Amino acid sequence: MINIILIFVYLLIGVALQRIKWFPSDSYKLINKFVVYFCLPVLALYYIPKVRWDNELLYLIGVTWIGFTIAFFLFRFLGKKYGWSKKLVGCLVITAGLGNTSFLGYPIVNALYGSEGLKMAILVDQPGTFVVLSTIAVVVATLYSKEATSGAKIAQKVLLFPPFICFLVACMANILDFDFHDYLQLAFQKLGSLLTPLAMISVGLQLHFDSRSQHWKFLWIGLAYKLIITPAILFVLYVVILKQHGLMIQVALIEAAMAPMIMASILASSHGLKPRLSSMMIGFGIPISFVTLAFWYLVLQYI
């Protein structure tokens, strides 16, 4: 329970820092870079070499791939049916199709399921959310914004991104049955432990509420898909159809129910895909997700 309380404390600290005039308004960018370039990579290096491969891990990896694929076809269909602009469709695909499986997911899963659950959350995030964000989501953003981006540039972005490099190194270490020296593991653990406070403070710094926006209808459509429909589809697929149960499935479904991803919002905004709606998906999605996550957590206690 103390871990859950701390999540809200860090979030409120971030919100409070917004109101301090002398505090840099864009400081979250520096925090995000530290989390992305240091905390996320070391967690991969610490946990992934210890993971023992099992085909059931595909349930974790598949969370984002399934959710994003359905989002693409669903919003593309709705866009054609109701005459939505390409930028609106692209925005909803990216922001509703990608969950905050690291910044929010890691702290929440760690608080609910401990370090064993965190190992599984990393598999949802790294080969799942991160790879989708860095490849397919970039392609979608490019196509729906009519920006010319070559396949080589997309591949370069993925292969040179530090968290992805560390993910590959960690996977190789796992294959070779190699783990790092105890001193390095301790350093990884200590640095990785900064993720929760820094990530939640960063989220708090970025929370904004625009009550006068014209995007309310699309906001609720996007959030309904991300917070309710995505976990419901995976619940039916994993639990009802495939008859899967246990900690791994609980972690997979909790991660599926996470709020929209901050980096996905940044990707959509940077490509001109309805920047205000992209920001609203984060600003409203994160607080609302704490309610819907509580609902899904209670549901999962009975499987």
Protein backbone atom coordinates (compact mmCIF):
# COMPACT_ATOMS: atom_id res chain seq x y z
CA MET A 1 0.00 0.00 0.00
CA ILE A 2 2.86 2.40 0.78
CA ASN A 3 4.11 2.05 -2.81
CA ILE A 4 0.71 3.05 -4.20
CA ILE A 5 0.59 6.08 -1.86
CA LEU A 6 4.09 7.11 -2.97
CA ILE A 7 3.00 7.05 -6.62
CA PHE A 8 0.31 9.65 -5.85
CA VAL A 9 2.76 11.67 -3.72
CA TYR A 10 5.30 11.87 -6.57
CA LEU A 11 2.52 12.73 -9.03
CA LEU A 12 1.30 15.57 -6.80
CA ILE A 13 4.86 16.86 -6.39
CA GLY A 14 5.07 17.16 -10.17
CA VAL A 15 1.73 18.99 -10.33
CA ALA A 16 2.81 21.32 -7.51
CA LEU A 17 6.10 22.13 -9.28
CA GLN A 18 4.09 23.46 -12.23
CA ARG A 19 2.84 26.28 -9.99
CA ILE A 20 6.30 27.39 -8.86
CA LYS A 21 7.19 30.31 -11.13
CA TRP A 22 10.95 29.96 -10.88
CA PHE A 23 10.86 26.22 -11.63
CA PRO A 24 11.61 25.60 -15.35
CA SER A 25 8.38 24.66 -17.15
CA ASP A 26 10.19 22.33 -19.53
CA SER A 27 12.22 20.52 -16.84
CA TYR A 28 10.20 17.37 -17.53
CA LYS A 29 12.14 17.03 -20.80
CA LEU A 30 15.40 16.58 -18.90
CA ILE A 31 13.76 14.16 -16.47
CA ASN A 32 12.30 12.17 -19.37
CA LYS A 33 15.70 11.92 -21.02
CA PHE A 34 17.29 10.66 -17.80
CA VAL A 35 14.56 8.06 -17.36
CA VAL A 36 14.65 6.93 -20.99
CA TYR A 37 18.43 6.93 -21.43
CA PHE A 38 19.45 5.61 -18.01
CA CYS A 39 16.67 4.14 -15.84
CA LEU A 40 14.90 2.09 -18.51
CA PRO A 41 18.11 0.61 -20.01
CA VAL A 42 19.55 -0.49 -16.66
CA LEU A 43 16.29 -2.17 -15.66
CA ALA A 44 16.48 -4.19 -18.87
CA LEU A 45 20.10 -5.10 -18.11
CA TYR A 46 19.18 -6.10 -14.57
CA TYR A 47 16.04 -8.14 -15.16
CA ILE A 48 16.09 -9.64 -18.66
CA PRO A 49 19.22 -11.81 -18.20
CA LYS A 50 17.38 -13.49 -15.32
CA VAL A 51 14.26 -14.29 -17.37
CA ARG A 52 13.85 -17.91 -18.44
CA TRP A 53 12.16 -18.09 -21.84
CA ASP A 54 8.79 -19.74 -22.07
CA ASN A 55 6.31 -19.52 -24.93
CA GLU A 56 3.84 -18.11 -22.44
CA LEU A 57 5.90 -14.90 -22.42
CA LEU A 58 4.27 -14.17 -25.77
CA TYR A 59 1.16 -13.22 -23.79
CA LEU A 60 3.17 -10.30 -22.36
CA ILE A 61 4.89 -9.30 -25.59
CA GLY A 62 1.63 -9.48 -27.53
CA VAL A 63 -0.23 -6.92 -25.40
CA THR A 64 0.83 -3.82 -27.34
CA TRP A 65 1.05 -5.51 -30.73
CA ILE A 66 -2.56 -6.65 -30.44
CA GLY A 67 -3.85 -3.36 -28.98
CA PHE A 68 -2.10 -1.19 -31.59
CA THR A 69 -3.16 -3.37 -34.52
CA ILE A 70 -6.83 -3.27 -33.48
CA ALA A 71 -6.58 0.52 -32.90
CA PHE A 72 -5.23 0.99 -36.42
CA PHE A 73 -8.04 -0.88 -38.14
CA LEU A 74 -10.77 0.43 -35.81
CA PHE A 75 -9.96 4.14 -36.11
CA ARG A 76 -9.21 3.79 -39.81
CA PHE A 77 -12.68 2.28 -40.28
CA LEU A 78 -14.37 4.95 -38.13
CA GLY A 79 -12.46 7.68 -39.93
CA LYS A 80 -13.71 6.53 -43.32
CA LYS A 81 -17.27 6.03 -42.07
CA TYR A 82 -17.60 9.44 -40.41
CA GLY A 83 -15.27 11.47 -42.60
CA TRP A 84 -12.60 12.18 -39.98
CA SER A 85 -9.43 13.91 -41.10
CA LYS A 86 -6.27 11.86 -41.59
CA LYS A 87 -4.57 13.78 -38.79
CA LEU A 88 -7.37 12.90 -36.36
CA VAL A 89 -7.23 9.22 -37.30
CA GLY A 90 -3.45 9.15 -36.97
CA CYS A 91 -3.62 10.87 -33.58
CA LEU A 92 -6.14 8.36 -32.19
CA VAL A 93 -4.29 5.34 -33.56
CA ILE A 94 -1.03 6.38 -31.92
CA THR A 95 -2.27 7.79 -28.61
CA ALA A 96 -5.00 5.21 -27.98
CA GLY A 97 -2.98 2.33 -29.40
CA LEU A 98 0.05 2.75 -27.13
CA GLY A 99 -0.10 2.48 -23.34
CA ASN A 100 2.18 4.01 -20.73
CA THR A 101 3.74 0.63 -19.94
CA SER A 102 7.00 2.04 -18.57
CA PHE A 103 6.61 5.48 -16.91
CA LEU A 104 3.29 4.48 -15.32
CA GLY A 105 3.38 0.74 -15.87
CA TYR A 106 6.63 -0.06 -14.07
CA PRO A 107 5.82 1.81 -10.84
CA ILE A 108 2.23 0.54 -10.69
CA VAL A 109 3.08 -3.08 -11.50
CA ASN A 110 5.96 -2.97 -9.02
CA ALA A 111 3.60 -1.63 -6.35
CA LEU A 112 0.91 -4.23 -7.06
CA TYR A 113 2.95 -7.33 -7.88
CA GLY A 114 6.50 -6.69 -6.67
CA SER A 115 9.79 -7.35 -8.48
CA GLU A 116 8.50 -10.56 -10.06
CA GLY A 117 5.73 -8.58 -11.73
CA LEU A 118 8.22 -5.88 -12.78
CA LYS A 119 10.26 -8.47 -14.70
CA MET A 120 7.14 -9.29 -16.68
CA ALA A 121 6.23 -5.62 -17.19
CA ILE A 122 9.60 -5.08 -18.87
CA LEU A 123 8.67 -7.72 -21.46
CA VAL A 124 5.40 -5.91 -22.17
CA ASP A 125 7.28 -2.64 -22.60
CA GLN A 126 10.58 -3.37 -24.36
CA PRO A 127 9.82 -5.92 -27.14
CA GLY A 128 6.20 -4.73 -27.12
CA THR A 129 5.42 -1.04 -26.60
CA PHE A 130 8.88 0.33 -27.29
CA VAL A 131 9.39 -1.59 -30.54
CA VAL A 132 5.87 -0.69 -31.78
CA LEU A 133 6.47 2.99 -30.91
CA SER A 134 9.82 3.06 -32.66
CA THR A 135 8.71 1.30 -35.84
CA ILE A 136 5.03 0.92 -36.73
CA ALA A 137 3.90 4.05 -34.86
CA VAL A 138 6.56 6.13 -36.64
CA VAL A 139 5.31 4.78 -39.97
CA VAL A 140 1.69 5.64 -39.05
CA ALA A 141 2.70 9.14 -37.93
CA THR A 142 4.59 9.66 -41.18
CA LEU A 143 1.79 8.37 -43.43
CA TYR A 144 -0.95 10.36 -41.72
CA SER A 145 1.09 13.57 -41.69
CA LYS A 146 2.42 13.14 -45.25
CA GLU A 147 5.97 13.50 -44.00
CA ALA A 148 8.67 11.85 -46.10
CA THR A 149 10.62 9.43 -43.94
CA SER A 150 12.68 6.60 -45.37
CA GLY A 151 12.77 3.08 -44.04
CA ALA A 152 16.48 3.57 -43.35
CA LYS A 153 15.78 6.51 -41.04
CA ILE A 154 13.18 4.51 -39.15
CA ALA A 155 15.60 1.60 -38.73
CA GLN A 156 18.33 4.00 -37.61
CA LYS A 157 16.08 5.50 -34.93
CA VAL A 158 15.39 2.05 -33.52
CA LEU A 159 18.89 0.58 -33.68
CA LEU A 160 20.62 3.62 -32.17
CA PHE A 161 18.16 4.18 -29.32
CA PRO A 162 19.95 3.34 -25.99
CA PRO A 163 17.04 1.46 -24.35
CA PHE A 164 16.72 -0.73 -27.43
CA ILE A 165 20.47 -1.34 -27.58
CA CYS A 166 20.46 -2.36 -23.90
CA PHE A 167 17.42 -4.55 -24.56
CA LEU A 168 19.35 -6.40 -27.28
CA VAL A 169 22.41 -6.71 -25.04
CA ALA A 170 20.25 -8.06 -22.21
CA CYS A 171 18.58 -10.56 -24.58
CA MET A 172 22.00 -11.75 -25.76
CA ALA A 173 23.12 -12.15 -22.15
CA ASN A 174 19.98 -14.18 -21.50
CA ILE A 175 20.65 -16.44 -24.49
CA LEU A 176 24.26 -16.98 -23.39
CA ASP A 177 23.13 -17.61 -19.80
CA PHE A 178 25.32 -14.72 -18.66
CA ASP A 179 24.63 -12.23 -15.88
CA PHE A 180 26.58 -9.16 -14.88
CA HIS A 181 28.93 -8.87 -11.90
CA ASP A 182 27.27 -8.28 -8.53
CA TYR A 183 28.65 -4.75 -8.32
CA LEU A 184 27.17 -3.86 -11.70
CA GLN A 185 23.85 -5.45 -10.76
CA LEU A 186 23.76 -3.36 -7.60
CA ALA A 187 24.45 -0.22 -9.64
CA PHE A 188 21.71 -1.19 -12.12
CA GLN A 189 19.29 -1.77 -9.26
CA LYS A 190 20.04 1.54 -7.54
CA LEU A 191 19.83 3.56 -10.75
CA GLY A 192 16.67 1.73 -11.82
CA SER A 193 15.05 2.50 -8.46
CA LEU A 194 14.97 6.19 -9.46
CA LEU A 195 12.45 5.40 -12.20
CA THR A 196 9.32 5.54 -10.04
CA PRO A 197 9.86 8.96 -8.40
CA LEU A 198 11.30 10.59 -11.52
CA ALA A 199 8.71 9.15 -13.90
CA MET A 200 5.76 10.14 -11.74
CA ILE A 201 7.12 13.66 -11.09
CA SER A 202 7.59 14.02 -14.86
CA VAL A 203 4.00 12.91 -15.46
CA GLY A 204 2.80 15.45 -12.88
CA LEU A 205 4.74 18.22 -14.59
CA GLN A 206 3.01 17.41 -17.88
CA LEU A 207 -0.59 17.14 -16.67
CA HIS A 208 -2.71 19.88 -18.23
CA PHE A 209 -6.47 20.22 -18.51
CA ASP A 210 -8.06 22.15 -21.37
CA SER A 211 -11.79 22.43 -20.59
CA ARG A 212 -12.48 24.64 -23.64
CA SER A 213 -11.21 22.21 -26.26
CA GLN A 214 -13.30 21.17 -29.28
CA HIS A 215 -11.96 17.61 -29.08
CA TRP A 216 -14.09 16.25 -26.23
CA LYS A 217 -15.96 13.64 -28.28
CA PHE A 218 -12.75 12.23 -29.74
CA LEU A 219 -11.05 12.34 -26.36
CA TRP A 220 -13.69 10.06 -24.83
CA ILE A 221 -13.62 7.74 -27.84
CA GLY A 222 -9.83 7.42 -27.56
CA LEU A 223 -9.85 6.91 -23.79
CA ALA A 224 -12.71 4.41 -23.96
CA TYR A 225 -10.66 2.32 -26.37
CA LYS A 226 -7.44 2.58 -24.35
CA LEU A 227 -8.78 2.15 -20.81
CA ILE A 228 -11.79 -0.12 -21.33
CA ILE A 229 -11.93 -1.79 -24.75
CA THR A 230 -8.26 -2.83 -25.06
CA PRO A 231 -8.05 -4.64 -21.69
CA ALA A 232 -11.54 -6.10 -22.28
CA ILE A 233 -10.48 -7.58 -25.64
CA LEU A 234 -7.33 -9.07 -24.13
CA PHE A 235 -9.29 -10.35 -21.13
CA VAL A 236 -11.67 -12.20 -23.44
CA LEU A 237 -8.79 -13.50 -25.57
CA TYR A 238 -6.44 -14.56 -22.77
CA VAL A 239 -8.82 -15.59 -19.98
CA VAL A 240 -12.08 -16.60 -21.65
CA ILE A 241 -10.89 -18.10 -24.94
CA LEU A 242 -7.35 -19.31 -24.17
CA LYS A 243 -8.14 -20.16 -20.51
CA GLN A 244 -4.98 -18.50 -19.14
CA HIS A 245 -4.62 -17.47 -15.50
CA GLY A 246 -1.96 -16.48 -12.99
CA LEU A 247 0.43 -13.61 -12.31
CA MET A 248 1.67 -13.28 -15.89
CA ILE A 249 -1.85 -12.77 -17.26
CA GLN A 250 -2.68 -10.30 -14.49
CA VAL A 251 0.42 -8.22 -15.29
CA ALA A 252 -0.36 -8.37 -19.02
CA LEU A 253 -3.92 -7.13 -18.51
CA ILE A 254 -2.97 -4.41 -16.03
CA GLU A 255 -0.37 -3.14 -18.52
CA ALA A 256 -3.01 -3.29 -21.26
CA ALA A 257 -5.19 -0.97 -19.15
CA MET A 258 -2.51 1.72 -18.68
CA ALA A 259 -3.19 5.31 -19.71
CA PRO A 260 -1.95 6.60 -23.11
CA MET A 261 1.80 6.81 -23.48
CA ILE A 262 3.52 10.19 -23.03
CA MET A 263 6.07 9.47 -25.77
CA ALA A 264 3.24 8.48 -28.14
CA SER A 265 1.64 11.88 -27.51
CA ILE A 266 4.97 13.55 -28.26
CA LEU A 267 5.32 11.52 -31.47
CA ALA A 268 1.83 12.48 -32.64
CA SER A 269 2.30 16.16 -31.73
CA SER A 270 5.69 16.38 -33.42
CA HIS A 271 4.09 15.16 -36.66
CA GLY A 272 1.24 17.68 -36.43
CA LEU A 273 -1.39 15.06 -35.61
CA LYS A 274 -3.85 17.08 -33.52
CA PRO A 275 -1.35 18.26 -30.85
CA ARG A 276 -4.07 19.55 -28.51
CA LEU A 277 -5.98 16.26 -28.57
CA SER A 278 -2.68 14.39 -28.08
CA SER A 279 -2.02 16.45 -24.95
CA MET A 280 -5.58 15.92 -23.68
CA MET A 281 -5.22 12.14 -24.05
CA ILE A 282 -2.40 12.37 -21.52
CA GLY A 283 -3.79 15.12 -19.30
CA PHE A 284 -7.15 13.41 -18.78
CA GLY A 285 -6.13 9.83 -19.46
CA ILE A 286 -3.62 9.49 -16.63
CA PRO A 287 -5.89 10.62 -13.75
CA ILE A 288 -8.88 8.67 -15.12
CA SER A 289 -6.73 5.57 -15.55
CA PHE A 290 -6.22 5.32 -11.80
CA VAL A 291 -9.97 4.67 -11.48
CA THR A 292 -10.16 2.20 -14.37
CA LEU A 293 -6.98 0.44 -13.21
CA ALA A 294 -8.55 -0.07 -9.79
CA PHE A 295 -11.56 -1.63 -11.53
CA TRP A 296 -9.42 -3.99 -13.61
CA TYR A 297 -7.26 -4.90 -10.61
CA LEU A 298 -10.39 -5.95 -8.69
CA VAL A 299 -11.64 -7.95 -11.69
CA LEU A 300 -8.31 -9.76 -11.98
CA GLN A 301 -8.42 -10.89 -8.36
CA TYR A 302 -11.13 -13.37 -9.38
CA ILE A 303 -9.35 -15.09 -12.27
